[in-house]
Amino acid sequence: MFDISYIAIHRMVEDRMKTDKRYLKEIEKSGRIVLSSARKMSDTELIEKLQTFDVRLDRKIFGELSKRFLSAEEMSEWIIQKQNLKFKRMEEDWIWICLTILWERWFPDRPSLEMIDDRMQEGYEKLSKKDCAGACKIWLEI
């Protein structure tokens, strides 16, 4: 068995949502949150959402935590374990999603693995459009 990162899972879900209207309706009906939806939220809304799970962070605390972890996924798993939080998978997704977005916004110069993965995917997108130089430029940057 192998693990798939949260960012990869969410990318697969969102890609399918773009091409499969029935699947999109299922996701919407289930109440499952996806990154693209949560990215529309303000920083304050994301912080408030974290607080509903008893996760209390501000920019300073987050900055210190982000130095200890390579990814928002790793940070969210640590927070869940440290605080002994118990909840359903969709609620757990919220913590990772909020951390991922806040990391992108607050610390873009300290890339998380999720941010690096997003940039790698941009390179693959350019490559699929036969823009080899553009893909290589992105990959060299990351």
C-alpha atoms as a PDB file:
ATOM      1  CA  MET A   1       0.000   0.000   0.000  1.00  0.00           C
ATOM      2  CA  PHE A   2       1.139   3.563  -0.601  1.00  0.00           C
ATOM      3  CA  ASP A   3       0.065   6.968   0.600  1.00  0.00           C
ATOM      4  CA  ILE A   4      -1.220   9.723  -1.630  1.00  0.00           C
ATOM      5  CA  SER A   5      -0.760  13.269  -0.409  1.00  0.00           C
ATOM      6  CA  TYR A   6      -3.795  15.352   0.459  1.00  0.00           C
ATOM      7  CA  ILE A   7      -2.904  17.838  -2.276  1.00  0.00           C
ATOM      8  CA  ALA A   8      -2.850  15.058  -4.900  1.00  0.00           C
ATOM      9  CA  ILE A   9      -6.222  13.723  -3.727  1.00  0.00           C
ATOM     10  CA  HIS A  10      -7.768  17.188  -3.804  1.00  0.00           C
ATOM     11  CA  ARG A  11      -6.344  17.849  -7.259  1.00  0.00           C
ATOM     12  CA  MET A  12      -7.908  14.621  -8.559  1.00  0.00           C
ATOM     13  CA  VAL A  13     -11.268  15.525  -6.991  1.00  0.00           C
ATOM     14  CA  GLU A  14     -11.221  19.044  -8.407  1.00  0.00           C
ATOM     15  CA  ASP A  15     -10.136  17.862 -11.861  1.00  0.00           C
ATOM     16  CA  ARG A  16     -13.016  15.393 -11.949  1.00  0.00           C
ATOM     17  CA  MET A  17     -15.437  18.067 -10.725  1.00  0.00           C
ATOM     18  CA  LYS A  18     -14.525  20.149 -13.809  1.00  0.00           C
ATOM     19  CA  THR A  19     -15.458  17.405 -16.257  1.00  0.00           C
ATOM     20  CA  ASP A  20     -18.141  15.378 -14.475  1.00  0.00           C
ATOM     21  CA  LYS A  21     -21.232  17.416 -13.535  1.00  0.00           C
ATOM     22  CA  ARG A  22     -22.799  14.476 -11.710  1.00  0.00           C
ATOM     23  CA  TYR A  23     -19.708  14.092  -9.553  1.00  0.00           C
ATOM     24  CA  LEU A  24     -19.712  17.853  -8.898  1.00  0.00           C
ATOM     25  CA  LYS A  25     -23.297  17.626  -7.647  1.00  0.00           C
ATOM     26  CA  GLU A  26     -22.358  14.674  -5.400  1.00  0.00           C
ATOM     27  CA  ILE A  27     -19.493  16.653  -3.853  1.00  0.00           C
ATOM     28  CA  GLU A  28     -21.697  19.704  -3.336  1.00  0.00           C
ATOM     29  CA  LYS A  29     -24.494  17.589  -1.835  1.00  0.00           C
ATOM     30  CA  SER A  30     -22.079  15.864   0.568  1.00  0.00           C
ATOM     31  CA  GLY A  31     -20.879  19.219   1.902  1.00  0.00           C
ATOM     32  CA  ARG A  32     -17.273  18.272   1.262  1.00  0.00           C
ATOM     33  CA  ILE A  33     -14.948  21.246   1.075  1.00  0.00           C
ATOM     34  CA  VAL A  34     -12.378  21.603  -1.703  1.00  0.00           C
ATOM     35  CA  LEU A  35      -9.413  23.927  -1.954  1.00  0.00           C
ATOM     36  CA  SER A  36     -10.866  26.042  -4.759  1.00  0.00           C
ATOM     37  CA  SER A  37     -13.938  26.856  -2.667  1.00  0.00           C
ATOM     38  CA  ALA A  38     -11.987  27.579   0.490  1.00  0.00           C
ATOM     39  CA  ARG A  39      -9.577  29.845  -1.420  1.00  0.00           C
ATOM     40  CA  LYS A  40     -12.485  32.274  -1.772  1.00  0.00           C
ATOM     41  CA  MET A  41     -12.551  32.701   2.021  1.00  0.00           C
ATOM     42  CA  SER A  42     -10.757  35.543   3.786  1.00  0.00           C
ATOM     43  CA  ASP A  43      -7.924  34.969   6.247  1.00  0.00           C
ATOM     44  CA  THR A  44     -10.303  35.861   9.069  1.00  0.00           C
ATOM     45  CA  GLU A  45     -12.848  33.301   7.898  1.00  0.00           C
ATOM     46  CA  LEU A  46     -10.162  30.619   7.681  1.00  0.00           C
ATOM     47  CA  ILE A  47      -8.910  31.416  11.191  1.00  0.00           C
ATOM     48  CA  GLU A  48     -12.474  31.348  12.510  1.00  0.00           C
ATOM     49  CA  LYS A  49     -13.048  27.991  10.826  1.00  0.00           C
ATOM     50  CA  LEU A  50      -9.948  26.589  12.530  1.00  0.00           C
ATOM     51  CA  GLN A  51     -11.255  27.894  15.843  1.00  0.00           C
ATOM     52  CA  THR A  52     -14.443  25.831  15.414  1.00  0.00           C
ATOM     53  CA  PHE A  53     -12.137  22.809  15.771  1.00  0.00           C
ATOM     54  CA  ASP A  54     -10.380  24.344  18.764  1.00  0.00           C
ATOM     55  CA  VAL A  55      -7.302  25.140  16.674  1.00  0.00           C
ATOM     56  CA  ARG A  56      -6.033  28.577  17.654  1.00  0.00           C
ATOM     57  CA  LEU A  57      -3.436  30.136  15.365  1.00  0.00           C
ATOM     58  CA  ASP A  58      -2.350  33.594  14.377  1.00  0.00           C
ATOM     59  CA  ARG A  59       0.281  34.644  11.850  1.00  0.00           C
ATOM     60  CA  LYS A  60       3.106  34.612  14.405  1.00  0.00           C
ATOM     61  CA  ILE A  61       2.302  31.135  15.766  1.00  0.00           C
ATOM     62  CA  PHE A  62       1.758  29.833  12.255  1.00  0.00           C
ATOM     63  CA  GLY A  63       5.100  31.270  11.146  1.00  0.00           C
ATOM     64  CA  GLU A  64       6.920  29.449  13.916  1.00  0.00           C
ATOM     65  CA  LEU A  65       5.090  26.195  13.199  1.00  0.00           C
ATOM     66  CA  SER A  66       5.758  26.410   9.477  1.00  0.00           C
ATOM     67  CA  LYS A  67       9.502  26.329  10.186  1.00  0.00           C
ATOM     68  CA  ARG A  68       9.091  22.890  11.763  1.00  0.00           C
ATOM     69  CA  PHE A  69       7.151  21.239   8.954  1.00  0.00           C
ATOM     70  CA  LEU A  70       7.613  20.676   5.231  1.00  0.00           C
ATOM     71  CA  SER A  71       3.911  20.645   4.440  1.00  0.00           C
ATOM     72  CA  ALA A  72       0.542  21.804   5.666  1.00  0.00           C
ATOM     73  CA  GLU A  73      -0.466  18.143   5.654  1.00  0.00           C
ATOM     74  CA  GLU A  74       2.304  17.286   8.107  1.00  0.00           C
ATOM     75  CA  MET A  75       1.406  20.301  10.263  1.00  0.00           C
ATOM     76  CA  SER A  76      -2.301  19.420  10.307  1.00  0.00           C
ATOM     77  CA  GLU A  77      -1.587  15.814  11.309  1.00  0.00           C
ATOM     78  CA  TRP A  78       0.663  17.063  14.128  1.00  0.00           C
ATOM     79  CA  ILE A  79      -1.999  19.495  15.383  1.00  0.00           C
ATOM     80  CA  ILE A  80      -4.676  16.802  15.303  1.00  0.00           C
ATOM     81  CA  GLN A  81      -2.465  14.369  17.202  1.00  0.00           C
ATOM     82  CA  LYS A  82      -1.088  16.931  19.680  1.00  0.00           C
ATOM     83  CA  GLN A  83      -4.534  18.219  20.590  1.00  0.00           C
ATOM     84  CA  ASN A  84      -5.999  14.709  20.459  1.00  0.00           C
ATOM     85  CA  LEU A  85      -8.765  15.970  18.172  1.00  0.00           C
ATOM     86  CA  LYS A  86     -11.436  13.491  17.162  1.00  0.00           C
ATOM     87  CA  PHE A  87     -13.720  14.122  14.237  1.00  0.00           C
ATOM     88  CA  LYS A  88     -14.897  12.969  10.845  1.00  0.00           C
ATOM     89  CA  ARG A  89     -12.670  12.998   7.765  1.00  0.00           C
ATOM     90  CA  MET A  90     -14.379  16.059   6.238  1.00  0.00           C
ATOM     91  CA  GLU A  91     -13.660  18.056   9.374  1.00  0.00           C
ATOM     92  CA  GLU A  92     -10.054  16.918   9.260  1.00  0.00           C
ATOM     93  CA  ASP A  93      -9.911  18.152   5.648  1.00  0.00           C
ATOM     94  CA  TRP A  94     -10.886  21.617   6.862  1.00  0.00           C
ATOM     95  CA  ILE A  95      -7.814  21.883   9.075  1.00  0.00           C
ATOM     96  CA  TRP A  96      -5.459  20.919   6.257  1.00  0.00           C
ATOM     97  CA  ILE A  97      -7.227  23.181   3.761  1.00  0.00           C
ATOM     98  CA  CYS A  98      -7.123  26.213   6.082  1.00  0.00           C
ATOM     99  CA  LEU A  99      -3.440  25.643   6.855  1.00  0.00           C
ATOM    100  CA  THR A 100      -2.591  25.169   3.179  1.00  0.00           C
ATOM    101  CA  ILE A 101      -4.238  28.431   2.142  1.00  0.00           C
ATOM    102  CA  LEU A 102      -2.878  30.470   5.034  1.00  0.00           C
ATOM    103  CA  TRP A 103       0.640  29.178   4.321  1.00  0.00           C
ATOM    104  CA  GLU A 104       0.292  30.234   0.665  1.00  0.00           C
ATOM    105  CA  ARG A 105      -0.896  33.695   1.629  1.00  0.00           C
ATOM    106  CA  TRP A 106       1.278  34.431   4.635  1.00  0.00           C
ATOM    107  CA  PHE A 107       4.558  32.720   3.776  1.00  0.00           C
ATOM    108  CA  PRO A 108       4.904  32.440  -0.012  1.00  0.00           C
ATOM    109  CA  ASP A 109       8.693  32.758   0.313  1.00  0.00           C
ATOM    110  CA  ARG A 110       8.795  29.622   2.500  1.00  0.00           C
ATOM    111  CA  PRO A 111       7.121  27.136   0.168  1.00  0.00           C
ATOM    112  CA  SER A 112       5.313  24.125   1.558  1.00  0.00           C
ATOM    113  CA  LEU A 113       5.301  20.837  -0.311  1.00  0.00           C
ATOM    114  CA  GLU A 114       1.755  21.699  -1.400  1.00  0.00           C
ATOM    115  CA  MET A 115       2.984  24.942  -2.961  1.00  0.00           C
ATOM    116  CA  ILE A 116       5.830  23.130  -4.701  1.00  0.00           C
ATOM    117  CA  ASP A 117       3.411  20.502  -5.995  1.00  0.00           C
ATOM    118  CA  ASP A 118       1.114  23.209  -7.377  1.00  0.00           C
ATOM    119  CA  ARG A 119       4.021  24.749  -9.268  1.00  0.00           C
ATOM    120  CA  MET A 120       5.108  21.337 -10.586  1.00  0.00           C
ATOM    121  CA  GLN A 121       1.576  20.830 -11.913  1.00  0.00           C
ATOM    122  CA  GLU A 122       1.779  24.218 -13.658  1.00  0.00           C
ATOM    123  CA  GLY A 123       4.885  22.885 -15.389  1.00  0.00           C
ATOM    124  CA  TYR A 124       3.061  19.749 -16.502  1.00  0.00           C
ATOM    125  CA  GLU A 125       0.229  21.921 -17.831  1.00  0.00           C
ATOM    126  CA  LYS A 126       2.718  23.907 -19.929  1.00  0.00           C
ATOM    127  CA  LEU A 127       4.317  20.684 -21.124  1.00  0.00           C
ATOM    128  CA  SER A 128       0.909  19.331 -22.206  1.00  0.00           C
ATOM    129  CA  LYS A 129       0.580  22.470 -24.365  1.00  0.00           C
ATOM    130  CA  LYS A 130       3.997  21.753 -25.941  1.00  0.00           C
ATOM    131  CA  ASP A 131       5.628  24.636 -24.046  1.00  0.00           C
ATOM    132  CA  CYS A 132       8.754  22.727 -23.014  1.00  0.00           C
ATOM    133  CA  ALA A 133      10.739  25.871 -22.247  1.00  0.00           C
ATOM    134  CA  GLY A 134       7.952  27.224 -20.032  1.00  0.00           C
ATOM    135  CA  ALA A 135       7.676  23.920 -18.176  1.00  0.00           C
ATOM    136  CA  CYS A 136      11.429  23.748 -17.630  1.00  0.00           C
ATOM    137  CA  LYS A 137      11.524  27.352 -16.420  1.00  0.00           C
ATOM    138  CA  ILE A 138       8.912  26.609 -13.736  1.00  0.00           C
ATOM    139  CA  TRP A 139      10.624  23.384 -12.708  1.00  0.00           C
ATOM    140  CA  LEU A 140      14.004  25.087 -12.442  1.00  0.00           C
ATOM    141  CA  GLU A 141      12.472  27.781 -10.241  1.00  0.00           C
ATOM    142  CA  ILE A 142      11.062  25.226  -7.843  1.00  0.00           C
END
